[in-house]
């Protein structure tokens, strides 16, 4: 593998620092980094609600 360019290393480190959940994929061709893909995952808490079917059933039982 060839010597890494400082700008590429800085970009990879910056991507890692900014990432809370996700992945970084580094693509190498012929010993050279040709591509860096960063995928960020965002997770949101779900509020518990009853399903529409349960709401209809509850209305019919009152």
N, C-alpha and C. Protein backbone atom coordinates (compact mmCIF):
# COMPACT_ATOMS: atom_id res chain seq x y z
N UNK A 1 0.85 -1.18 0.00
CA UNK A 1 0.00 0.00 0.00
C UNK A 1 0.89 1.24 0.00
N UNK A 2 0.49 2.21 -0.76
CA UNK A 2 1.24 3.46 -0.86
C UNK A 2 1.07 4.28 0.42
N UNK A 3 1.93 5.25 0.59
CA UNK A 3 1.83 6.15 1.74
C UNK A 3 0.51 6.92 1.65
N UNK A 4 -0.15 7.05 2.80
CA UNK A 4 -1.44 7.73 2.83
C UNK A 4 -1.26 9.24 2.76
N UNK A 5 -2.08 9.86 1.95
CA UNK A 5 -2.11 11.31 1.85
C UNK A 5 -2.70 11.89 3.13
N UNK A 6 -2.10 12.92 3.67
CA UNK A 6 -2.57 13.52 4.93
C UNK A 6 -4.02 13.99 4.84
N UNK A 7 -4.43 14.51 3.68
CA UNK A 7 -5.81 15.00 3.56
C UNK A 7 -6.81 13.84 3.65
N UNK A 8 -6.43 12.67 3.15
CA UNK A 8 -7.32 11.51 3.25
C UNK A 8 -7.43 11.06 4.70
N UNK A 9 -6.31 11.01 5.39
CA UNK A 9 -6.31 10.62 6.80
C UNK A 9 -7.15 11.60 7.61
N UNK A 10 -7.00 12.88 7.36
CA UNK A 10 -7.78 13.89 8.08
C UNK A 10 -9.27 13.72 7.80
N UNK A 11 -9.61 13.41 6.55
CA UNK A 11 -11.02 13.23 6.18
C UNK A 11 -11.60 12.02 6.91
N UNK A 12 -10.86 10.92 6.97
CA UNK A 12 -11.33 9.72 7.66
C UNK A 12 -11.51 10.01 9.15
N UNK A 13 -10.54 10.66 9.76
CA UNK A 13 -10.64 10.98 11.19
C UNK A 13 -11.79 11.92 11.48
N UNK A 14 -12.00 12.90 10.62
CA UNK A 14 -13.10 13.84 10.77
C UNK A 14 -14.44 13.11 10.67
N UNK A 15 -14.54 12.19 9.72
CA UNK A 15 -15.77 11.41 9.56
C UNK A 15 -16.05 10.57 10.79
N UNK A 16 -15.00 9.99 11.38
CA UNK A 16 -15.16 9.18 12.58
C UNK A 16 -15.60 10.03 13.78
N UNK A 17 -15.04 11.21 13.89
CA UNK A 17 -15.37 12.09 15.00
C UNK A 17 -16.82 12.56 14.94
N UNK A 18 -17.33 12.76 13.73
CA UNK A 18 -18.69 13.26 13.55
C UNK A 18 -19.76 12.16 13.65
N UNK A 19 -19.34 10.91 13.62
CA UNK A 19 -20.27 9.79 13.55
C UNK A 19 -20.62 9.26 14.94
N UNK A 20 -21.92 9.22 15.24
CA UNK A 20 -22.36 8.67 16.52
C UNK A 20 -22.79 7.21 16.35
N UNK A 21 -23.61 6.94 15.33
CA UNK A 21 -24.02 5.59 14.97
C UNK A 21 -23.91 5.46 13.46
N UNK A 22 -23.30 4.40 12.97
CA UNK A 22 -23.21 4.19 11.54
C UNK A 22 -21.95 3.46 11.15
N UNK A 23 -21.53 3.68 9.91
CA UNK A 23 -20.35 2.98 9.42
C UNK A 23 -19.59 3.85 8.41
N UNK A 24 -18.31 3.53 8.29
CA UNK A 24 -17.47 4.17 7.28
C UNK A 24 -16.81 3.06 6.49
N UNK A 25 -16.98 3.10 5.18
CA UNK A 25 -16.41 2.09 4.29
C UNK A 25 -15.32 2.76 3.47
N UNK A 26 -14.13 2.18 3.50
CA UNK A 26 -13.00 2.70 2.73
C UNK A 26 -12.73 1.72 1.59
N UNK A 27 -12.85 2.20 0.35
CA UNK A 27 -12.63 1.37 -0.82
C UNK A 27 -11.21 1.58 -1.33
N UNK A 28 -10.51 0.47 -1.57
CA UNK A 28 -9.12 0.51 -2.01
C UNK A 28 -9.00 -0.24 -3.34
N UNK A 29 -8.33 0.38 -4.32
CA UNK A 29 -8.02 -0.25 -5.60
C UNK A 29 -6.54 -0.10 -5.86
N UNK A 30 -5.90 -1.22 -6.15
CA UNK A 30 -4.46 -1.24 -6.43
C UNK A 30 -3.64 -0.54 -5.35
N UNK A 31 -4.04 -0.75 -4.10
CA UNK A 31 -3.29 -0.19 -2.98
C UNK A 31 -3.54 1.28 -2.71
N UNK A 32 -4.50 1.89 -3.38
CA UNK A 32 -4.81 3.30 -3.20
C UNK A 32 -6.26 3.46 -2.73
N UNK A 33 -6.48 4.35 -1.78
CA UNK A 33 -7.85 4.65 -1.35
C UNK A 33 -8.52 5.45 -2.45
N UNK A 34 -9.63 4.90 -2.95
CA UNK A 34 -10.33 5.56 -4.05
C UNK A 34 -11.67 6.14 -3.64
N UNK A 35 -12.19 5.67 -2.50
CA UNK A 35 -13.52 6.13 -2.11
C UNK A 35 -13.72 5.95 -0.62
N UNK A 36 -14.46 6.87 -0.01
CA UNK A 36 -14.84 6.77 1.40
C UNK A 36 -16.34 7.03 1.48
N UNK A 37 -17.07 6.05 2.01
CA UNK A 37 -18.52 6.17 2.18
C UNK A 37 -18.83 6.20 3.67
N UNK A 38 -19.58 7.20 4.10
CA UNK A 38 -20.01 7.28 5.49
C UNK A 38 -21.53 7.18 5.52
N UNK A 39 -22.04 6.28 6.32
CA UNK A 39 -23.47 6.10 6.49
C UNK A 39 -23.82 6.36 7.94
N UNK A 40 -24.70 7.32 8.15
CA UNK A 40 -25.09 7.67 9.51
C UNK A 40 -26.45 7.08 9.82
N UNK A 41 -26.57 6.50 10.99
CA UNK A 41 -27.85 5.95 11.45
C UNK A 41 -28.44 6.91 12.46
N UNK A 42 -29.70 7.19 12.32
CA UNK A 42 -30.42 8.02 13.29
C UNK A 42 -31.52 7.16 13.88
N UNK A 43 -31.59 7.14 15.20
CA UNK A 43 -32.60 6.34 15.86
C UNK A 43 -33.53 7.26 16.63
N UNK A 44 -34.81 7.00 16.51
CA UNK A 44 -35.82 7.81 17.16
C UNK A 44 -36.66 6.92 18.06
N UNK A 45 -36.95 7.41 19.25
CA UNK A 45 -37.78 6.65 20.18
C UNK A 45 -39.22 6.63 19.67
N UNK A 46 -39.83 5.46 19.74
CA UNK A 46 -41.22 5.33 19.31
C UNK A 46 -42.13 5.54 20.50
N UNK A 47 -43.19 6.31 20.29
CA UNK A 47 -44.20 6.49 21.32
C UNK A 47 -45.19 5.34 21.21
N UNK A 48 -45.54 4.77 22.36
CA UNK A 48 -46.48 3.66 22.35
C UNK A 48 -47.88 4.19 22.14
N UNK A 49 -48.52 3.71 21.10
CA UNK A 49 -49.92 4.04 20.83
C UNK A 49 -50.62 2.75 20.49
N UNK A 50 -51.89 2.72 20.71
CA UNK A 50 -52.64 1.51 20.35
C UNK A 50 -52.86 1.51 18.84
N UNK A 51 -52.98 0.33 18.31
CA UNK A 51 -53.18 0.21 16.86
C UNK A 51 -54.59 0.67 16.50
N UNK A 52 -54.82 1.03 15.24
CA UNK A 52 -56.18 1.45 14.82
C UNK A 52 -57.21 0.37 15.09
N UNK A 53 -56.83 -0.90 14.96
CA UNK A 53 -57.75 -2.00 15.22
C UNK A 53 -58.17 -2.01 16.69
N UNK A 54 -57.23 -1.78 17.59
CA UNK A 54 -57.55 -1.74 19.02
C UNK A 54 -58.45 -0.55 19.34
N UNK A 55 -58.26 0.58 18.66
CA UNK A 55 -59.08 1.75 18.91
C UNK A 55 -60.52 1.49 18.50
N UNK A 56 -60.73 0.83 17.37
CA UNK A 56 -62.09 0.51 16.90
C UNK A 56 -62.74 -0.47 17.87
N UNK A 57 -61.99 -1.50 18.29
CA UNK A 57 -62.50 -2.49 19.22
C UNK A 57 -62.90 -1.83 20.54
N UNK A 58 -62.07 -0.93 21.03
CA UNK A 58 -62.36 -0.24 22.29
C UNK A 58 -63.62 0.61 22.19
N UNK A 59 -63.85 1.26 21.05
CA UNK A 59 -65.04 2.08 20.88
C UNK A 59 -66.30 1.23 20.87
N UNK A 60 -66.21 0.02 20.29
CA UNK A 60 -67.37 -0.86 20.19
C UNK A 60 -67.72 -1.51 21.53
N UNK A 61 -66.79 -1.59 22.46
CA UNK A 61 -67.04 -2.25 23.73
C UNK A 61 -67.55 -1.29 24.79
N UNK A 62 -67.60 0.01 24.51
CA UNK A 62 -68.06 0.98 25.51
C UNK A 62 -69.54 1.14 25.49
